[in-house]
């Protein structure tokens, strides 16, 4: 499965290094490179990409807040020198964080994680409209499986807890 990506990095040397790593991994399609995060966000809002490789020189509170705008649309891989940025990136839901200097093997591991996550997301989306039918209070009720929070055993019966109601 080919993956499309963009690079957002202000350091031209780091961009060249990342591009060299990308060339060594088949199935990666570089759609663009940007020096400003705002330009990258604008591109993501107009085109579909699978993930974003983001340089850490943008890392500050505003930076992490800006990435919240796109975290639902694409996976984000942060490249940083700081382990604190790594912890913060996971807090914000980034796909991965790579500490500099990056190795080819570690980048391949990141790509594998992203492929697995995208594949899992497709399966979840495919099954999002499945419904089950249960009898509750002498009435048949249809419940979307993606609305179920948990199912609890209660002797010969079960309790189904959803966002809206308990059955």
Foldseek 3Di string as FASTA:
>chain_A
DAFEEEEAAQDPVVVVVVVVLQVVDPRYHYPYYHPDVVVVVVVVVVDQGAEYEYECVQDDPVSLVVVLVCVVRYAYEYEEQDVVVQVVCVVSPHLHYHYPPDDSVVVVVSVVSSVVVVVVVVVCVVQQADWDWDQDPNDIDIDGPVQWPDWADDPVDIWTDGPPDID
